[in-house]
C-alpha atoms as a PDB file:
ATOM      1  CA  MET A   1      63.225  87.519  -6.263  1.00  0.00           C
ATOM      2  CA  LEU A   2      59.882  87.345  -4.487  1.00  0.00           C
ATOM      3  CA  TYR A   3      58.941  86.516  -0.881  1.00  0.00           C
ATOM      4  CA  SER A   4      55.789  84.716   0.200  1.00  0.00           C
ATOM      5  CA  GLU A   5      54.740  83.174   3.491  1.00  0.00           C
ATOM      6  CA  PHE A   6      55.726  79.514   3.622  1.00  0.00           C
ATOM      7  CA  ALA A   7      52.784  77.095   3.389  1.00  0.00           C
ATOM      8  CA  ALA A   8      52.554  73.326   3.755  1.00  0.00           C
ATOM      9  CA  SER A   9      52.044  73.131  -0.009  1.00  0.00           C
ATOM     10  CA  ASP A  10      55.574  74.555  -0.450  1.00  0.00           C
ATOM     11  CA  ILE A  11      57.244  71.532   1.150  1.00  0.00           C
ATOM     12  CA  GLU A  12      57.260  69.550  -2.092  1.00  0.00           C
ATOM     13  CA  LYS A  13      58.839  72.514  -3.934  1.00  0.00           C
ATOM     14  CA  VAL A  14      61.739  72.951  -1.511  1.00  0.00           C
ATOM     15  CA  THR A  15      62.508  69.310  -0.736  1.00  0.00           C
ATOM     16  CA  PRO A  16      65.057  69.004  -3.588  1.00  0.00           C
ATOM     17  CA  LEU A  17      66.841  72.177  -2.386  1.00  0.00           C
ATOM     18  CA  TYR A  18      67.037  70.788   1.144  1.00  0.00           C
ATOM     19  CA  ILE A  19      68.413  67.434   0.021  1.00  0.00           C
ATOM     20  CA  GLU A  20      70.970  69.021  -2.319  1.00  0.00           C
ATOM     21  CA  TYR A  21      72.210  71.488   0.290  1.00  0.00           C
ATOM     22  CA  TYR A  22      72.486  69.211   3.310  1.00  0.00           C
ATOM     23  CA  ASN A  23      73.689  66.113   1.475  1.00  0.00           C
ATOM     24  CA  SER A  24      76.374  67.922  -0.537  1.00  0.00           C
ATOM     25  CA  MET A  25      77.414  70.706   1.855  1.00  0.00           C
ATOM     26  CA  GLU A  26      77.061  69.022   5.244  1.00  0.00           C
ATOM     27  CA  ASP A  27      77.448  65.313   4.419  1.00  0.00           C
ATOM     28  CA  GLY A  28      73.820  64.586   5.291  1.00  0.00           C
ATOM     29  CA  GLU A  29      71.814  61.535   4.303  1.00  0.00           C
ATOM     30  CA  TRP A  30      68.440  63.202   3.771  1.00  0.00           C
ATOM     31  CA  THR A  31      65.800  61.540   1.626  1.00  0.00           C
ATOM     32  CA  GLU A  32      62.552  62.864   0.247  1.00  0.00           C
ATOM     33  CA  ALA A  33      60.681  61.055   3.027  1.00  0.00           C
ATOM     34  CA  THR A  34      62.831  62.386   5.885  1.00  0.00           C
ATOM     35  CA  VAL A  35      62.838  65.965   4.565  1.00  0.00           C
ATOM     36  CA  THR A  36      59.081  65.913   4.048  1.00  0.00           C
ATOM     37  CA  LYS A  37      58.537  64.640   7.588  1.00  0.00           C
ATOM     38  CA  ARG A  38      60.880  67.257   9.108  1.00  0.00           C
ATOM     39  CA  LEU A  39      59.320  70.171   7.237  1.00  0.00           C
ATOM     40  CA  ARG A  40      55.761  68.982   7.960  1.00  0.00           C
ATOM     41  CA  GLN A  41      56.642  68.849  11.659  1.00  0.00           C
ATOM     42  CA  MET A  42      57.765  72.455  11.464  1.00  0.00           C
ATOM     43  CA  VAL A  43      54.866  73.926   9.496  1.00  0.00           C
ATOM     44  CA  SER A  44      52.267  72.120  11.619  1.00  0.00           C
ATOM     45  CA  ARG A  45      53.657  73.552  14.852  1.00  0.00           C
ATOM     46  CA  GLU A  46      51.625  76.229  16.620  1.00  0.00           C
ATOM     47  CA  ASP A  47      52.853  79.713  15.651  1.00  0.00           C
ATOM     48  CA  ALA A  48      54.976  78.339  12.785  1.00  0.00           C
ATOM     49  CA  TYR A  49      56.155  80.998  10.382  1.00  0.00           C
ATOM     50  CA  GLY A  50      58.456  81.030   7.395  1.00  0.00           C
ATOM     51  CA  LEU A  51      59.186  82.560   4.035  1.00  0.00           C
ATOM     52  CA  LEU A  52      59.647  81.090   0.590  1.00  0.00           C
ATOM     53  CA  LEU A  53      62.007  82.899  -1.771  1.00  0.00           C
ATOM     54  CA  THR A  54      61.224  82.383  -5.450  1.00  0.00           C
ATOM     55  CA  THR A  55      62.739  83.620  -8.662  1.00  0.00           C
ATOM     56  CA  ASP A  56      60.779  85.928 -10.957  1.00  0.00           C
ATOM     57  CA  GLU A  57      60.010  82.786 -12.974  1.00  0.00           C
ATOM     58  CA  GLY A  58      58.449  81.115  -9.914  1.00  0.00           C
ATOM     59  CA  ARG A  59      61.254  78.635  -9.115  1.00  0.00           C
ATOM     60  CA  PRO A  60      62.110  78.203  -5.423  1.00  0.00           C
ATOM     61  CA  ALA A  61      65.488  79.736  -4.579  1.00  0.00           C
ATOM     62  CA  GLY A  62      65.388  79.285  -0.804  1.00  0.00           C
ATOM     63  CA  PHE A  63      63.318  79.320   2.355  1.00  0.00           C
ATOM     64  CA  VAL A  64      63.413  79.997   6.056  1.00  0.00           C
ATOM     65  CA  LEU A  65      61.247  78.252   8.673  1.00  0.00           C
ATOM     66  CA  GLY A  66      60.738  78.664  12.362  1.00  0.00           C
ATOM     67  CA  PHE A  67      58.155  79.502  14.977  1.00  0.00           C
ATOM     68  CA  PHE A  68      57.265  82.136  17.515  1.00  0.00           C
ATOM     69  CA  GLU A  69      57.788  81.208  21.147  1.00  0.00           C
ATOM     70  CA  GLN A  70      56.378  82.943  24.208  1.00  0.00           C
ATOM     71  CA  TYR A  71      58.630  83.689  27.179  1.00  0.00           C
ATOM     72  CA  ASP A  72      57.781  85.483  30.415  1.00  0.00           C
ATOM     73  CA  ASP A  73      59.355  88.719  29.196  1.00  0.00           C
ATOM     74  CA  GLY A  74      58.400  88.613  25.518  1.00  0.00           C
ATOM     75  CA  PHE A  75      57.966  86.865  22.224  1.00  0.00           C
ATOM     76  CA  ALA A  76      60.920  85.297  20.316  1.00  0.00           C
ATOM     77  CA  TYR A  77      61.255  83.892  16.816  1.00  0.00           C
ATOM     78  CA  ASP A  78      63.094  80.549  16.774  1.00  0.00           C
ATOM     79  CA  LEU A  79      64.679  80.151  13.363  1.00  0.00           C
ATOM     80  CA  ILE A  80      65.006  76.430  12.646  1.00  0.00           C
ATOM     81  CA  GLU A  81      65.895  76.172   8.957  1.00  0.00           C
ATOM     82  CA  ILE A  82      67.363  78.444   6.323  1.00  0.00           C
ATOM     83  CA  VAL A  83      68.308  76.993   2.949  1.00  0.00           C
ATOM     84  CA  ILE A  84      69.419  78.751  -0.218  1.00  0.00           C
ATOM     85  CA  ALA A  85      69.589  76.668  -3.396  1.00  0.00           C
ATOM     86  CA  LYS A  86      73.181  75.840  -4.258  1.00  0.00           C
ATOM     87  CA  GLU A  87      72.973  77.711  -7.583  1.00  0.00           C
ATOM     88  CA  TYR A  88      71.980  80.930  -5.776  1.00  0.00           C
ATOM     89  CA  GLN A  89      74.525  80.843  -2.953  1.00  0.00           C
ATOM     90  CA  ASN A  90      77.184  83.532  -2.499  1.00  0.00           C
ATOM     91  CA  ARG A  91      74.970  86.187  -4.093  1.00  0.00           C
ATOM     92  CA  GLY A  92      73.696  87.801  -0.894  1.00  0.00           C
ATOM     93  CA  LEU A  93      70.331  86.021  -0.986  1.00  0.00           C
ATOM     94  CA  GLY A  94      70.839  84.321   2.376  1.00  0.00           C
ATOM     95  CA  THR A  95      71.601  87.676   3.956  1.00  0.00           C
ATOM     96  CA  GLU A  96      68.555  89.265   2.331  1.00  0.00           C
ATOM     97  CA  LEU A  97      66.345  86.365   3.444  1.00  0.00           C
ATOM     98  CA  MET A  98      67.606  86.670   7.023  1.00  0.00           C
ATOM     99  CA  GLN A  99      66.989  90.415   7.024  1.00  0.00           C
ATOM    100  CA  GLU A 100      63.467  89.905   5.665  1.00  0.00           C
ATOM    101  CA  ILE A 101      62.537  87.283   8.276  1.00  0.00           C
ATOM    102  CA  GLU A 102      63.958  89.550  10.993  1.00  0.00           C
ATOM    103  CA  ARG A 103      61.896  92.490   9.725  1.00  0.00           C
ATOM    104  CA  ARG A 104      58.714  90.434   9.561  1.00  0.00           C
ATOM    105  CA  ALA A 105      59.307  88.760  12.946  1.00  0.00           C
ATOM    106  CA  LYS A 106      59.763  92.178  14.554  1.00  0.00           C
ATOM    107  CA  LYS A 107      56.579  93.426  12.886  1.00  0.00           C
ATOM    108  CA  LYS A 108      54.736  90.443  14.407  1.00  0.00           C
ATOM    109  CA  GLY A 109      56.011  91.365  17.875  1.00  0.00           C
ATOM    110  CA  ALA A 110      59.187  89.333  18.317  1.00  0.00           C
ATOM    111  CA  LEU A 111      61.839  90.915  20.530  1.00  0.00           C
ATOM    112  CA  LEU A 112      64.609  88.692  19.206  1.00  0.00           C
ATOM    113  CA  VAL A 113      65.510  85.959  16.747  1.00  0.00           C
ATOM    114  CA  GLN A 114      67.327  82.935  18.110  1.00  0.00           C
ATOM    115  CA  LEU A 115      68.802  79.955  16.296  1.00  0.00           C
ATOM    116  CA  GLN A 116      71.081  76.975  16.581  1.00  0.00           C
ATOM    117  CA  ALA A 117      73.929  76.717  14.091  1.00  0.00           C
ATOM    118  CA  VAL A 118      76.750  74.342  13.330  1.00  0.00           C
ATOM    119  CA  ASN A 119      79.804  75.380  15.330  1.00  0.00           C
ATOM    120  CA  ASP A 120      82.194  76.124  12.477  1.00  0.00           C
ATOM    121  CA  GLU A 121      83.909  79.084  10.834  1.00  0.00           C
ATOM    122  CA  ARG A 122      81.528  79.293   7.847  1.00  0.00           C
ATOM    123  CA  HIS A 123      78.425  79.586  10.040  1.00  0.00           C
ATOM    124  CA  ASP A 124      80.171  81.952  12.475  1.00  0.00           C
ATOM    125  CA  ARG A 125      81.127  84.202   9.563  1.00  0.00           C
ATOM    126  CA  PHE A 126      77.638  84.225   7.990  1.00  0.00           C
ATOM    127  CA  TYR A 127      75.670  84.800  11.190  1.00  0.00           C
ATOM    128  CA  GLY A 128      78.342  87.067  12.670  1.00  0.00           C
ATOM    129  CA  ARG A 129      78.065  89.444   9.696  1.00  0.00           C
ATOM    130  CA  LEU A 130      74.353  89.681  10.482  1.00  0.00           C
ATOM    131  CA  GLY A 131      75.025  90.570  14.121  1.00  0.00           C
ATOM    132  CA  TYR A 132      74.301  87.177  15.724  1.00  0.00           C
ATOM    133  CA  GLN A 133      76.430  86.253  18.715  1.00  0.00           C
ATOM    134  CA  ASN A 134      76.894  83.082  20.685  1.00  0.00           C
ATOM    135  CA  ALA A 135      74.585  82.973  23.696  1.00  0.00           C
ATOM    136  CA  ASN A 136      76.490  82.692  26.945  1.00  0.00           C
ATOM    137  CA  ASN A 137      73.503  81.867  29.111  1.00  0.00           C
ATOM    138  CA  LEU A 138      72.473  78.654  27.296  1.00  0.00           C
ATOM    139  CA  ILE A 139      74.203  75.537  26.087  1.00  0.00           C
ATOM    140  CA  LEU A 140      72.832  72.712  23.975  1.00  0.00           C
ATOM    141  CA  LYS A 141      72.705  69.439  25.897  1.00  0.00           C
ATOM    142  CA  SER A 142      72.270  66.045  24.280  1.00  0.00           C
ATOM    143  CA  LYS A 143      72.394  62.387  25.198  1.00  0.00           C
ATOM    144  CA  THR A 144      72.888  59.542  22.773  1.00  0.00           C
ATOM    145  CA  LEU A 145      70.391  56.744  23.389  1.00  0.00           C
END
């Protein structure tokens, strides 16, 4: 498996992975158009940064996307998306991808990685094994319009 920095030109390559994962694993209703728009919004953001994971044959196996965010006391990496192709799941690739983005974010000056995750046992187990804990000083607020 090979890592490369995620570029806008990679969106088309990973769109099928995104649709397959979210529509089959999380009952999503993603389409090519909605995925493309979401990923373009992310890669066009100031200080966007991500990695593309490809097989030795050049096929996309997964990706991670996020951005660096400045705070008064330091620089953080906000991880927004991580997707591993269904055929490559449960092989440790998600863990390796997380460790690689953490290593690279730290090298670029980030003091921490923060993310939002679905509040369920599967996500708690995955992120918990990597040392992520629930933040006690923040809570997600939303309002249906």
